[in-house]
């Protein structure tokens, strides 16, 4: 396979040329030459195949270090790639990833914030409901307590009314018993005195009846007074 040569003359790249074409280019020993397989440009005198066609008195040129076309392109291509991606595309993708990440973090934070606020609102509503329920329960307890108090007062009043009524009844019954006892005592005096046309046996029977009446009324009085003292301990003091 015939080599293809590139020349670098007056800051310009020329070629490719085959060996026959190079003979007509009047290259000198310092002419920069490159062909596939070389890592960098070389002087023509350093290439074995070109030594026979190099001019005897070449013009001097400044030493330059220009990479070969293919390696230069490859180098730029390599420099412009990151992780196998074009540098610009990589930066764009990286920027998108960063933006998405920031948006995701912000969204998560907002979501958590909303959840916390929602939880706080639910807690506040629950606490308010509990407070209202407690107030209702307290009111119900007050109502029940008032009802119980009123019922107790009613029972006490009824009980006191019954007691007062019974005291009145006992007082009336005692008055009757006192009167009847007084009558029985007077009757005893009366039947005890001597009377004409009455036998001794009849007199004794009348006295026994009178004493029995007195005993009955005394017993009634005793029972009524006992009941009165039970109902009203201060009675008679």
Protein backbone atom coordinates (compact mmCIF):
# COMPACT_ATOMS: atom_id res chain seq x y z
CA UNK A 1 0.00 0.00 0.00
CA UNK A 2 1.41 3.39 -0.99
CA UNK A 3 1.75 5.90 1.85
CA UNK A 4 -0.08 9.22 1.71
CA UNK A 5 1.97 12.16 2.98
CA UNK A 6 0.89 15.52 4.40
CA UNK A 7 3.05 18.62 4.31
CA UNK A 8 3.02 21.61 6.65
CA UNK A 9 4.29 24.65 4.76
CA UNK A 10 3.86 28.36 5.64
CA UNK A 11 1.44 27.52 8.47
CA UNK A 12 -0.78 25.56 6.11
CA UNK A 13 -1.40 21.85 5.76
CA UNK A 14 -1.20 20.33 2.28
CA UNK A 15 -1.91 16.85 0.96
CA UNK A 16 -2.22 14.03 0.87
CA UNK A 17 0.55 13.24 -1.70
CA UNK A 18 2.17 10.04 -2.80
CA UNK A 19 5.95 9.68 -3.09
CA UNK A 20 5.98 10.62 -6.78
CA UNK A 21 3.98 13.78 -6.14
CA UNK A 22 6.35 14.77 -3.31
CA UNK A 23 9.30 14.81 -5.75
CA UNK A 24 7.67 17.71 -7.57
CA UNK A 25 7.08 19.69 -4.32
CA UNK A 26 10.79 20.44 -3.83
CA UNK A 27 10.64 19.75 -0.11
CA UNK A 28 13.74 20.33 2.02
CA UNK A 29 15.10 18.40 4.94
CA UNK A 30 13.22 20.57 7.52
CA UNK A 31 9.88 20.38 5.76
CA UNK A 32 7.33 19.03 8.23
CA UNK A 33 5.80 15.75 7.04
CA UNK A 34 3.21 13.45 8.53
CA UNK A 35 1.61 10.19 7.39
CA UNK A 36 -0.65 7.68 9.05
CA UNK A 37 1.22 5.82 11.76
CA UNK A 38 3.26 8.80 13.02
CA UNK A 39 2.48 10.25 16.44
CA UNK A 40 3.58 13.75 15.47
CA UNK A 41 4.97 15.76 12.56
CA UNK A 42 8.61 14.98 11.56
CA UNK A 43 11.23 16.67 9.49
CA UNK A 44 11.51 15.18 6.02
CA UNK A 45 15.18 14.24 6.64
CA UNK A 46 14.04 12.00 9.53
CA UNK A 47 11.85 9.88 7.23
CA UNK A 48 13.85 7.15 5.53
CA UNK A 49 11.66 7.02 2.41
CA UNK A 50 12.08 10.78 1.78
CA UNK A 51 15.81 11.22 2.26
CA UNK A 52 16.53 10.71 -1.49
CA UNK A 53 14.17 13.51 -2.58
CA UNK A 54 15.04 16.12 0.05
CA UNK A 55 16.77 19.21 -1.41
CA UNK A 56 20.42 19.72 -0.43
CA UNK A 57 19.99 23.29 0.93
CA UNK A 58 16.62 23.68 2.56
CA UNK A 59 15.37 27.04 3.86
CA UNK A 60 15.24 27.31 7.67
CA UNK A 61 11.79 27.26 9.40
CA UNK A 62 10.74 27.69 12.99
CA UNK A 63 10.30 24.60 15.01
CA UNK A 64 6.63 23.94 15.57
CA UNK A 65 4.77 21.21 17.28
CA UNK A 66 1.54 20.69 15.46
CA UNK A 67 -0.35 17.46 16.07
CA UNK A 68 -1.29 15.29 13.12
CA UNK A 69 -4.73 15.82 11.65
CA UNK A 70 -6.26 12.63 12.92
CA UNK A 71 -4.65 12.70 16.36
CA UNK A 72 -5.56 16.38 16.73
CA UNK A 73 -9.17 15.64 15.98
CA UNK A 74 -9.10 12.64 18.26
CA UNK A 75 -7.52 14.74 21.03
CA UNK A 76 -10.14 17.44 20.70
CA UNK A 77 -12.84 14.84 20.57
CA UNK A 78 -11.45 13.20 23.71
CA UNK A 79 -11.13 16.55 25.47
CA UNK A 80 -14.71 17.43 24.60
CA UNK A 81 -16.13 14.19 26.02
CA UNK A 82 -16.96 13.39 29.66
CA UNK A 83 -17.93 9.84 30.63
CA UNK A 84 -18.40 9.10 26.93
CA UNK A 85 -20.76 12.06 26.42
CA UNK A 86 -20.15 15.28 24.47
CA UNK A 87 -19.00 17.94 26.98
CA UNK A 88 -21.78 20.36 26.11
CA UNK A 89 -24.41 17.60 26.17
CA UNK A 90 -23.00 16.29 29.44
CA UNK A 91 -23.20 19.74 31.04
CA UNK A 92 -26.77 20.16 29.77
CA UNK A 93 -27.76 16.73 31.11
CA UNK A 94 -25.98 17.47 34.40
CA UNK A 95 -27.79 20.81 34.66
CA UNK A 96 -31.13 19.08 34.00
CA UNK A 97 -30.34 16.44 36.61
CA UNK A 98 -29.44 19.15 39.16
CA UNK A 99 -32.63 21.09 38.36
CA UNK A 100 -34.74 17.92 38.61
CA UNK A 101 -33.01 17.03 41.88
CA UNK A 102 -33.66 20.50 43.31
CA UNK A 103 -37.27 20.42 42.13
CA UNK A 104 -37.69 16.93 43.63
CA UNK A 105 -36.18 17.98 46.97
CA UNK A 106 -38.31 21.15 47.00
CA UNK A 107 -41.42 19.12 46.13
CA UNK A 108 -40.68 16.60 48.88
CA UNK A 109 -40.07 19.40 51.38
CA UNK A 110 -43.28 21.15 50.32
CA UNK A 111 -45.15 17.85 50.54
CA UNK A 112 -43.78 17.21 54.03
CA UNK A 113 -44.57 20.78 55.03
CA UNK A 114 -48.13 20.40 53.71
CA UNK A 115 -48.46 17.09 55.55
CA UNK A 116 -47.21 18.67 58.77
CA UNK A 117 -49.59 21.62 58.35
CA UNK A 118 -52.43 19.23 57.52
CA UNK A 119 -51.57 17.15 60.59
CA UNK A 120 -51.46 20.29 62.73
CA UNK A 121 -54.84 21.40 61.39
CA UNK A 122 -56.33 17.96 62.02
CA UNK A 123 -54.86 17.98 65.54
CA UNK A 124 -56.23 21.47 66.11
CA UNK A 125 -59.67 20.42 64.85
CA UNK A 126 -59.55 17.27 67.00
CA UNK A 127 -58.51 19.26 70.07
CA UNK A 128 -61.30 21.76 69.40
CA UNK A 129 -63.82 18.93 69.07
CA UNK A 130 -62.53 17.38 72.30
CA UNK A 131 -62.78 20.78 73.99
CA UNK A 132 -66.36 21.21 72.74
CA UNK A 133 -67.23 17.68 73.87
CA UNK A 134 -65.70 18.33 77.27
CA UNK A 135 -67.70 21.55 77.54
CA UNK A 136 -70.86 19.67 76.58
CA UNK A 137 -70.08 16.94 79.11
CA UNK A 138 -69.44 19.59 81.78
CA UNK A 139 -72.76 21.26 80.94
CA UNK A 140 -74.54 17.91 81.03
CA UNK A 141 -72.96 17.18 84.41
CA UNK A 142 -74.06 20.59 85.69
CA UNK A 143 -77.58 19.97 84.40
CA UNK A 144 -77.66 16.50 85.96
CA UNK A 145 -76.24 17.84 89.23
CA UNK A 146 -78.85 20.61 89.25
CA UNK A 147 -81.59 18.09 88.50
CA UNK A 148 -80.34 15.85 91.27
CA UNK A 149 -80.18 18.81 93.64
CA UNK A 150 -83.70 19.85 92.75
CA UNK A 151 -84.89 16.25 93.08
CA UNK A 152 -83.18 15.98 96.45
CA UNK A 153 -84.76 19.23 97.54
CA UNK A 154 -88.14 17.94 96.37
CA UNK A 155 -87.65 14.69 98.29
CA UNK A 156 -86.50 16.61 101.36
CA UNK A 157 -89.47 18.94 101.08
CA UNK A 158 -91.86 16.02 100.68
CA UNK A 159 -90.18 14.26 103.59
CA UNK A 160 -90.32 17.40 105.71
CA UNK A 161 -93.92 17.95 104.66
CA UNK A 162 -94.75 14.41 105.75
CA UNK A 163 -92.92 14.99 109.03
CA UNK A 164 -94.68 18.30 109.59
CA UNK A 165 -97.98 16.68 108.76
CA UNK A 166 -97.29 13.80 111.12
CA UNK A 167 -96.19 16.21 113.86
CA UNK A 168 -99.43 18.09 113.40
CA UNK A 169 -101.37 14.82 113.47
CA UNK A 170 -99.57 13.67 116.63
CA UNK A 171 -100.17 17.06 118.26
CA UNK A 172 -103.86 16.83 117.49
CA UNK A 173 -104.01 13.21 118.65
CA UNK A 174 -102.17 14.14 121.87
CA UNK A 175 -104.61 16.95 122.53
CA UNK A 176 -107.46 14.48 122.09
CA UNK A 177 -105.72 11.94 124.30
CA UNK A 178 -105.05 14.56 126.99
CA UNK A 179 -108.73 15.56 126.94
CA UNK A 180 -109.89 11.96 127.00
CA UNK A 181 -107.44 11.16 129.81
CA UNK A 182 -108.75 14.10 131.79
CA UNK A 183 -112.29 12.88 131.19
CA UNK A 184 -111.29 9.35 132.22
CA UNK A 185 -109.73 10.68 135.42
CA UNK A 186 -112.85 12.69 136.22
CA UNK A 187 -114.97 9.65 135.47
CA UNK A 188 -112.86 7.62 137.88
CA UNK A 189 -113.47 10.18 140.59
CA UNK A 190 -117.13 10.13 139.79
CA UNK A 191 -117.51 6.34 139.82
CA UNK A 192 -115.40 6.05 142.97
CA UNK A 193 -117.80 8.20 145.04
CA UNK A 194 -120.66 6.52 146.89
CA UNK A 195 -124.01 6.48 145.18
CA UNK A 196 -127.37 5.23 146.31
CA UNK A 197 -129.00 2.32 144.56
CA UNK A 198 -125.63 1.00 143.30
CA UNK A 199 -124.22 -2.21 144.55
CA UNK A 200 -120.60 -2.59 145.57
CA UNK A 201 -120.00 -4.90 142.67
CA UNK A 202 -121.37 -2.36 140.20
CA UNK A 203 -119.18 0.31 141.79
CA UNK A 204 -116.09 -1.89 141.51
CA UNK A 205 -116.89 -2.65 137.88
CA UNK A 206 -117.30 1.06 137.09
CA UNK A 207 -113.95 1.80 138.77
CA UNK A 208 -112.20 -0.94 136.78
CA UNK A 209 -113.64 0.39 133.54
CA UNK A 210 -112.56 3.94 134.42
CA UNK A 211 -109.00 2.75 135.29
CA UNK A 212 -108.85 0.78 132.10
CA UNK A 213 -109.81 3.89 130.09
CA UNK A 214 -107.20 5.92 131.92
CA UNK A 215 -104.59 3.24 131.15
CA UNK A 216 -105.56 3.18 127.49
CA UNK A 217 -105.24 6.94 127.12
CA UNK A 218 -101.96 7.03 129.00
CA UNK A 219 -100.59 4.30 126.78
CA UNK A 220 -101.73 6.19 123.68
CA UNK A 221 -100.12 9.37 124.98
CA UNK A 222 -96.88 7.52 125.75
CA UNK A 223 -96.70 6.05 122.24
CA UNK A 224 -97.49 9.39 120.60
CA UNK A 225 -94.88 11.23 122.68
CA UNK A 226 -92.29 8.56 121.85
CA UNK A 227 -93.03 8.94 118.14
CA UNK A 228 -92.91 12.72 118.47
CA UNK A 229 -89.44 12.60 120.07
CA UNK A 230 -88.20 10.32 117.27
CA UNK A 231 -89.46 12.74 114.65
CA UNK A 232 -88.49 15.89 116.52
CA UNK A 233 -85.71 15.28 119.07
CA UNK A 234 -86.08 18.85 120.40
CA UNK A 235 -89.76 18.37 121.20
CA UNK A 236 -90.64 18.96 124.82
CA UNK A 237 -87.22 20.51 125.70
